[in-house]
Amino acid sequence: MTLKVGDKAPYFEARSHLDKDVRLSDLRGKNVVIAFFPLAWTPV
């Protein structure tokens, strides 16, 4: 699935660095940056 500028983000859930589950819907109305690290030494 490819998103375009202006598309709504799909459902997303992940474990945070604090070992808690975070759902994108919990952050509605806030600015969100999601960074994926394929390897621990990979910079953003």
Protein backbone atom coordinates (compact mmCIF):
# COMPACT_ATOMS: atom_id res chain seq x y z
CA MET A 1 0.00 0.00 0.00
CA THR A 2 1.38 3.41 -0.96
CA LEU A 3 0.29 6.56 0.82
CA LYS A 4 0.10 9.92 -0.87
CA VAL A 5 0.41 13.36 0.70
CA GLY A 6 -2.89 14.14 2.37
CA ASP A 7 -3.94 10.47 2.83
CA LYS A 8 -5.06 9.43 6.30
CA ALA A 9 -2.59 7.18 8.05
CA PRO A 10 -3.67 3.54 8.38
CA TYR A 11 -4.09 1.78 11.72
CA PHE A 12 -0.66 1.46 13.31
CA GLU A 13 0.46 -0.10 16.58
CA ALA A 14 4.00 -0.66 17.85
CA ARG A 15 5.96 -1.16 21.05
CA SER A 16 7.67 1.99 22.31
CA HIS A 17 11.17 2.34 23.73
CA LEU A 18 9.44 2.29 27.14
CA ASP A 19 8.12 -1.23 26.35
CA LYS A 20 4.50 -0.05 26.06
CA ASP A 21 2.10 -0.58 23.15
CA VAL A 22 1.33 2.67 21.35
CA ARG A 23 -1.48 3.08 18.82
CA LEU A 24 -1.41 5.88 16.30
CA SER A 25 -5.04 6.59 17.14
CA ASP A 26 -3.98 7.38 20.74
CA LEU A 27 -1.94 10.29 19.37
CA ARG A 28 -4.73 11.87 17.30
CA GLY A 29 -4.31 15.65 17.13
CA LYS A 30 -0.59 15.54 17.98
CA ASN A 31 2.42 15.79 15.71
CA VAL A 32 3.94 12.34 15.25
CA VAL A 33 7.27 11.22 13.78
CA ILE A 34 7.81 7.51 13.25
CA ALA A 35 11.41 6.42 12.69
CA PHE A 36 12.20 2.84 11.72
CA PHE A 37 15.65 1.49 12.53
CA PRO A 38 16.54 -1.56 10.42
CA LEU A 39 19.76 -1.92 12.43
CA ALA A 40 20.74 -0.51 15.80
CA TRP A 41 23.62 1.53 14.35
CA THR A 42 21.60 3.07 11.52
CA PRO A 43 21.18 6.86 11.98
CA VAL A 44 17.91 8.65 11.28
